Each structure stands twice: as structure tokens, then as C-alpha cells.
C-alpha atoms as a PDB file:
ATOM      1  CA  UNK A   1      34.888 -50.234 -16.312  1.00  0.00           C
ATOM      2  CA  UNK A   2      35.786 -49.532 -12.710  1.00  0.00           C
ATOM      3  CA  UNK A   3      35.874 -45.747 -13.263  1.00  0.00           C
ATOM      4  CA  UNK A   4      32.489 -45.412 -14.947  1.00  0.00           C
ATOM      5  CA  UNK A   5      29.170 -45.057 -13.099  1.00  0.00           C
ATOM      6  CA  UNK A   6      26.106 -47.026 -14.103  1.00  0.00           C
ATOM      7  CA  UNK A   7      24.067 -43.810 -14.144  1.00  0.00           C
ATOM      8  CA  UNK A   8      24.799 -40.063 -14.107  1.00  0.00           C
ATOM      9  CA  UNK A   9      22.439 -37.268 -13.122  1.00  0.00           C
ATOM     10  CA  UNK A  10      22.330 -33.743 -11.723  1.00  0.00           C
ATOM     11  CA  UNK A  11      21.473 -34.601  -8.113  1.00  0.00           C
ATOM     12  CA  UNK A  12      19.880 -37.231  -5.888  1.00  0.00           C
ATOM     13  CA  UNK A  13      16.363 -36.031  -6.743  1.00  0.00           C
ATOM     14  CA  UNK A  14      16.857 -37.308 -10.318  1.00  0.00           C
ATOM     15  CA  UNK A  15      17.063 -40.876  -8.971  1.00  0.00           C
ATOM     16  CA  UNK A  16      13.522 -42.207  -9.341  1.00  0.00           C
ATOM     17  CA  UNK A  17      11.669 -45.258  -8.145  1.00  0.00           C
ATOM     18  CA  UNK A  18      11.546 -46.388 -11.781  1.00  0.00           C
ATOM     19  CA  UNK A  19      15.364 -46.373 -12.061  1.00  0.00           C
ATOM     20  CA  UNK A  20      15.661 -48.267  -8.781  1.00  0.00           C
ATOM     21  CA  UNK A  21      13.029 -50.860  -9.757  1.00  0.00           C
ATOM     22  CA  UNK A  22      14.621 -51.388 -13.181  1.00  0.00           C
ATOM     23  CA  UNK A  23      17.922 -52.226 -11.473  1.00  0.00           C
ATOM     24  CA  UNK A  24      16.413 -54.238  -8.589  1.00  0.00           C
ATOM     25  CA  UNK A  25      17.655 -51.762  -5.964  1.00  0.00           C
ATOM     26  CA  UNK A  26      16.344 -52.165  -2.396  1.00  0.00           C
ATOM     27  CA  UNK A  27      18.704 -49.752  -0.628  1.00  0.00           C
ATOM     28  CA  UNK A  28      20.752 -46.635  -1.266  1.00  0.00           C
ATOM     29  CA  UNK A  29      24.052 -45.600   0.270  1.00  0.00           C
ATOM     30  CA  UNK A  30      24.423 -41.829   0.266  1.00  0.00           C
ATOM     31  CA  UNK A  31      27.592 -39.783   0.281  1.00  0.00           C
ATOM     32  CA  UNK A  32      27.308 -36.551   2.298  1.00  0.00           C
ATOM     33  CA  UNK A  33      29.791 -33.857   1.259  1.00  0.00           C
ATOM     34  CA  UNK A  34      28.732 -32.180  -1.985  1.00  0.00           C
ATOM     35  CA  UNK A  35      26.096 -34.880  -2.548  1.00  0.00           C
ATOM     36  CA  UNK A  36      23.694 -34.087   0.307  1.00  0.00           C
ATOM     37  CA  UNK A  37      25.256 -30.938   1.802  1.00  0.00           C
ATOM     38  CA  UNK A  38      27.491 -28.094   0.664  1.00  0.00           C
ATOM     39  CA  UNK A  39      30.601 -26.854   2.475  1.00  0.00           C
ATOM     40  CA  UNK A  40      28.433 -24.671   4.742  1.00  0.00           C
ATOM     41  CA  UNK A  41      26.492 -27.832   5.714  1.00  0.00           C
ATOM     42  CA  UNK A  42      23.278 -26.739   3.953  1.00  0.00           C
ATOM     43  CA  UNK A  43      21.179 -29.746   2.972  1.00  0.00           C
ATOM     44  CA  UNK A  44      20.202 -29.977  -0.708  1.00  0.00           C
ATOM     45  CA  UNK A  45      16.749 -28.479  -1.091  1.00  0.00           C
ATOM     46  CA  UNK A  46      14.161 -31.241  -1.471  1.00  0.00           C
ATOM     47  CA  UNK A  47      16.439 -33.999  -0.120  1.00  0.00           C
ATOM     48  CA  UNK A  48      14.170 -34.795   2.846  1.00  0.00           C
ATOM     49  CA  UNK A  49      11.067 -35.126   0.652  1.00  0.00           C
ATOM     50  CA  UNK A  50      12.932 -37.254  -1.898  1.00  0.00           C
ATOM     51  CA  UNK A  51      14.201 -39.568   0.835  1.00  0.00           C
ATOM     52  CA  UNK A  52      10.774 -39.797   2.526  1.00  0.00           C
ATOM     53  CA  UNK A  53       9.046 -40.605  -0.768  1.00  0.00           C
ATOM     54  CA  UNK A  54      11.441 -43.448  -1.529  1.00  0.00           C
ATOM     55  CA  UNK A  55      11.140 -44.773   2.036  1.00  0.00           C
ATOM     56  CA  UNK A  56       7.384 -45.081   1.407  1.00  0.00           C
ATOM     57  CA  UNK A  57       8.327 -47.353  -1.527  1.00  0.00           C
ATOM     58  CA  UNK A  58      10.341 -49.549   0.898  1.00  0.00           C
ATOM     59  CA  UNK A  59      13.741 -48.236  -0.162  1.00  0.00           C
ATOM     60  CA  UNK A  60      16.215 -48.271   2.732  1.00  0.00           C
ATOM     61  CA  UNK A  61      18.968 -45.682   3.178  1.00  0.00           C
ATOM     62  CA  UNK A  62      22.325 -45.409   4.891  1.00  0.00           C
ATOM     63  CA  UNK A  63      24.857 -42.603   4.809  1.00  0.00           C
ATOM     64  CA  UNK A  64      28.354 -43.711   3.817  1.00  0.00           C
ATOM     65  CA  UNK A  65      30.796 -40.858   4.234  1.00  0.00           C
ATOM     66  CA  UNK A  66      34.559 -40.619   4.323  1.00  0.00           C
ATOM     67  CA  UNK A  67      34.271 -37.691   6.708  1.00  0.00           C
ATOM     68  CA  UNK A  68      35.622 -38.173  10.205  1.00  0.00           C
ATOM     69  CA  UNK A  69      33.385 -35.338  11.471  1.00  0.00           C
ATOM     70  CA  UNK A  70      30.918 -37.540  13.329  1.00  0.00           C
ATOM     71  CA  UNK A  71      28.747 -34.631  14.510  1.00  0.00           C
ATOM     72  CA  UNK A  72      28.210 -33.410  10.934  1.00  0.00           C
ATOM     73  CA  UNK A  73      27.253 -36.896   9.741  1.00  0.00           C
ATOM     74  CA  UNK A  74      24.931 -37.479  12.720  1.00  0.00           C
ATOM     75  CA  UNK A  75      23.152 -34.185  12.024  1.00  0.00           C
ATOM     76  CA  UNK A  76      22.433 -35.156   8.401  1.00  0.00           C
ATOM     77  CA  UNK A  77      21.466 -38.713   9.409  1.00  0.00           C
ATOM     78  CA  UNK A  78      19.032 -37.408  12.048  1.00  0.00           C
ATOM     79  CA  UNK A  79      17.505 -34.934   9.591  1.00  0.00           C
ATOM     80  CA  UNK A  80      16.886 -37.734   7.072  1.00  0.00           C
ATOM     81  CA  UNK A  81      16.129 -40.300   9.803  1.00  0.00           C
ATOM     82  CA  UNK A  82      18.568 -42.871   8.426  1.00  0.00           C
ATOM     83  CA  UNK A  83      21.568 -44.819   9.781  1.00  0.00           C
ATOM     84  CA  UNK A  84      25.114 -43.815   8.975  1.00  0.00           C
ATOM     85  CA  UNK A  85      28.705 -44.943   8.589  1.00  0.00           C
ATOM     86  CA  UNK A  86      31.273 -42.190   8.969  1.00  0.00           C
ATOM     87  CA  UNK A  87      34.983 -42.425   8.157  1.00  0.00           C
ATOM     88  CA  UNK A  88      33.976 -45.035   5.572  1.00  0.00           C
ATOM     89  CA  UNK A  89      37.401 -45.232   3.858  1.00  0.00           C
ATOM     90  CA  UNK A  90      35.905 -45.298   0.349  1.00  0.00           C
ATOM     91  CA  UNK A  91      36.915 -46.751  -2.096  1.00  0.00           C
ATOM     92  CA  UNK A  92      37.972 -49.554   0.262  1.00  0.00           C
ATOM     93  CA  UNK A  93      35.274 -52.174   0.764  1.00  0.00           C
ATOM     94  CA  UNK A  94      35.012 -52.107   4.563  1.00  0.00           C
ATOM     95  CA  UNK A  95      32.735 -49.045   4.779  1.00  0.00           C
ATOM     96  CA  UNK A  96      30.494 -50.463   2.066  1.00  0.00           C
ATOM     97  CA  UNK A  97      30.302 -53.748   3.993  1.00  0.00           C
ATOM     98  CA  UNK A  98      29.377 -51.965   7.229  1.00  0.00           C
ATOM     99  CA  UNK A  99      26.616 -50.020   5.482  1.00  0.00           C
ATOM    100  CA  UNK A 100      25.354 -53.175   3.749  1.00  0.00           C
ATOM    101  CA  UNK A 101      25.202 -54.959   7.103  1.00  0.00           C
ATOM    102  CA  UNK A 102      23.331 -52.045   8.735  1.00  0.00           C
ATOM    103  CA  UNK A 103      20.665 -52.305   6.036  1.00  0.00           C
ATOM    104  CA  UNK A 104      20.799 -56.111   5.793  1.00  0.00           C
ATOM    105  CA  UNK A 105      20.902 -55.833   2.003  1.00  0.00           C
ATOM    106  CA  UNK A 106      23.398 -57.574  -0.290  1.00  0.00           C
ATOM    107  CA  UNK A 107      25.612 -55.455  -2.560  1.00  0.00           C
ATOM    108  CA  UNK A 108      23.756 -56.545  -5.706  1.00  0.00           C
ATOM    109  CA  UNK A 109      20.600 -54.801  -4.420  1.00  0.00           C
ATOM    110  CA  UNK A 110      22.355 -51.612  -3.284  1.00  0.00           C
ATOM    111  CA  UNK A 111      23.091 -48.364  -5.078  1.00  0.00           C
ATOM    112  CA  UNK A 112      25.709 -45.840  -4.049  1.00  0.00           C
ATOM    113  CA  UNK A 113      25.063 -42.188  -4.853  1.00  0.00           C
ATOM    114  CA  UNK A 114      27.976 -39.791  -4.687  1.00  0.00           C
ATOM    115  CA  UNK A 115      29.783 -36.961  -6.428  1.00  0.00           C
ATOM    116  CA  UNK A 116      33.268 -38.488  -6.751  1.00  0.00           C
ATOM    117  CA  UNK A 117      34.577 -41.131  -9.116  1.00  0.00           C
ATOM    118  CA  UNK A 118      37.650 -42.014  -7.049  1.00  0.00           C
ATOM    119  CA  UNK A 119      35.719 -42.754  -3.858  1.00  0.00           C
ATOM    120  CA  UNK A 120      32.018 -43.421  -4.459  1.00  0.00           C
ATOM    121  CA  UNK A 121      32.049 -44.892  -7.968  1.00  0.00           C
ATOM    122  CA  UNK A 122      35.224 -46.978  -7.762  1.00  0.00           C
ATOM    123  CA  UNK A 123      34.228 -48.299  -4.322  1.00  0.00           C
ATOM    124  CA  UNK A 124      30.696 -49.136  -5.444  1.00  0.00           C
ATOM    125  CA  UNK A 125      31.921 -50.802  -8.628  1.00  0.00           C
ATOM    126  CA  UNK A 126      34.449 -52.862  -6.665  1.00  0.00           C
ATOM    127  CA  UNK A 127      31.513 -54.113  -4.560  1.00  0.00           C
ATOM    128  CA  UNK A 128      29.383 -54.777  -7.680  1.00  0.00           C
ATOM    129  CA  UNK A 129      26.800 -52.169  -6.652  1.00  0.00           C
ATOM    130  CA  UNK A 130      24.722 -49.961  -8.923  1.00  0.00           C
ATOM    131  CA  UNK A 131      26.732 -46.724  -9.030  1.00  0.00           C
ATOM    132  CA  UNK A 132      25.185 -43.287  -9.480  1.00  0.00           C
ATOM    133  CA  UNK A 133      27.310 -40.198 -10.019  1.00  0.00           C
ATOM    134  CA  UNK A 134      25.747 -36.809  -9.257  1.00  0.00           C
ATOM    135  CA  UNK A 135      27.135 -33.376  -9.984  1.00  0.00           C
ATOM    136  CA  UNK A 136      28.642 -31.695  -6.920  1.00  0.00           C
ATOM    137  CA  UNK A 137      26.164 -29.410  -5.140  1.00  0.00           C
ATOM    138  CA  UNK A 138      28.736 -26.630  -4.959  1.00  0.00           C
ATOM    139  CA  UNK A 139      31.812 -25.552  -6.879  1.00  0.00           C
ATOM    140  CA  UNK A 140      33.556 -24.920  -3.547  1.00  0.00           C
ATOM    141  CA  UNK A 141      35.361 -28.006  -2.283  1.00  0.00           C
ATOM    142  CA  UNK A 142      38.038 -29.114   0.095  1.00  0.00           C
ATOM    143  CA  UNK A 143      41.532 -28.948  -1.388  1.00  0.00           C
ATOM    144  CA  UNK A 144      42.133 -32.666  -1.963  1.00  0.00           C
ATOM    145  CA  UNK A 145      38.809 -33.106  -3.763  1.00  0.00           C
ATOM    146  CA  UNK A 146      39.391 -30.054  -5.948  1.00  0.00           C
ATOM    147  CA  UNK A 147      42.728 -31.521  -7.034  1.00  0.00           C
ATOM    148  CA  UNK A 148      41.049 -34.709  -8.278  1.00  0.00           C
ATOM    149  CA  UNK A 149      38.247 -32.976 -10.212  1.00  0.00           C
ATOM    150  CA  UNK A 150      40.325 -32.309 -13.328  1.00  0.00           C
ATOM    151  CA  UNK A 151      41.102 -35.992 -13.746  1.00  0.00           C
ATOM    152  CA  UNK A 152      37.505 -36.951 -12.952  1.00  0.00           C
ATOM    153  CA  UNK A 153      36.231 -34.520 -15.596  1.00  0.00           C
ATOM    154  CA  UNK A 154      38.441 -36.166 -18.245  1.00  0.00           C
ATOM    155  CA  UNK A 155      37.102 -39.585 -17.242  1.00  0.00           C
ATOM    156  CA  UNK A 156      33.535 -38.254 -17.451  1.00  0.00           C
ATOM    157  CA  UNK A 157      34.169 -36.828 -20.924  1.00  0.00           C
ATOM    158  CA  UNK A 158      35.336 -40.269 -22.132  1.00  0.00           C
ATOM    159  CA  UNK A 159      32.329 -41.895 -20.442  1.00  0.00           C
ATOM    160  CA  UNK A 160      29.909 -39.497 -22.171  1.00  0.00           C
ATOM    161  CA  UNK A 161      31.556 -40.036 -25.583  1.00  0.00           C
ATOM    162  CA  UNK A 162      31.372 -43.806 -25.128  1.00  0.00           C
ATOM    163  CA  UNK A 163      27.667 -43.619 -24.223  1.00  0.00           C
ATOM    164  CA  UNK A 164      26.959 -41.292 -27.165  1.00  0.00           C
ATOM    165  CA  UNK A 165      28.551 -43.809 -29.560  1.00  0.00           C
ATOM    166  CA  UNK A 166      26.372 -46.578 -28.082  1.00  0.00           C
ATOM    167  CA  UNK A 167      23.229 -44.480 -28.716  1.00  0.00           C
ATOM    168  CA  UNK A 168      24.285 -43.680 -32.280  1.00  0.00           C
ATOM    169  CA  UNK A 169      25.362 -47.241 -33.082  1.00  0.00           C
END
């Protein structure tokens, strides 16, 4: 289903080389706001080490953010030493295509990691990517995102119930 991620976890650090290998992933697109940084622009603790460790396993990275704050995105990209696409217009495909081209990796070998169903997960699923939903780093969010969370939480509840039935059946 377009609304459901392929994998859910607490944060990016829960995404392991084993999960990537199992799904034939060669590159990761990373959302920024509430996935990598909080509203005060603090980077998730351990994000640099996680990224560096996966780079050593030949995983490529690119930031894909809907933010139009180029300076903020550049700062995170420089810290992680990875390319970026800002104002990515997720869930539209064009930002995903630009990021895919930067990495020279086809969609089928890319994962998108983000904290929002209506941007990251729907966009990634539309592109036939491996989609990973993480919990938001912070409870504080911009207004438009906070408005969508209630609906996203209902979708997540259905997703979890569906997966529980699969495990039991």
C-alpha cells in the first residue's frame, strides 16, 4: 500500500547493513527535519558515526529535503559529507529523481528514510524504493507537519495491526 513503509524503526541508527543487504540497497536518501535534526538544528547523536560506518560498506547517501532553507541543508550535508537536494517537493517524483541521479543509483536500489508518511513514504513508494519510517526526533514540529501527525498515527496503527496479524497467522 502506498501509505505503508517497508520498515519502521526508532531512528536512522536502527537501519543496519544487514537490513540494507537483505533488500539490495546501495544508497540511502535522508530526510532532514525531525529525521536528522530537531527544530533547533541539533544533529541526532550518533548520526555521523552511523553514516560513516555505512559509507565504509559502500553505501552512498544523499539528503532529500523539502526545506527551502538551503543554508540549513548545506550545513547538515557538510557535516555528514554527503550531497543534497533541497526543496525536493516530496512526495512528487522530481526530487527523488534528482537525488537518484546524484548518486547514480536506480530507484530499486535506493532507500528513503524519513519521519513523515505523506512526504517520505508516499514519495518513496511511488518511486518503488525501499521506504523506512523513523519516529520524529522531537515532539516539537512546524505547524503543517503537526496537523498531519494525527492522520499519520491512525495509518501507523492500521499498519501495525496488519503486521501483527501476519506474524500471528
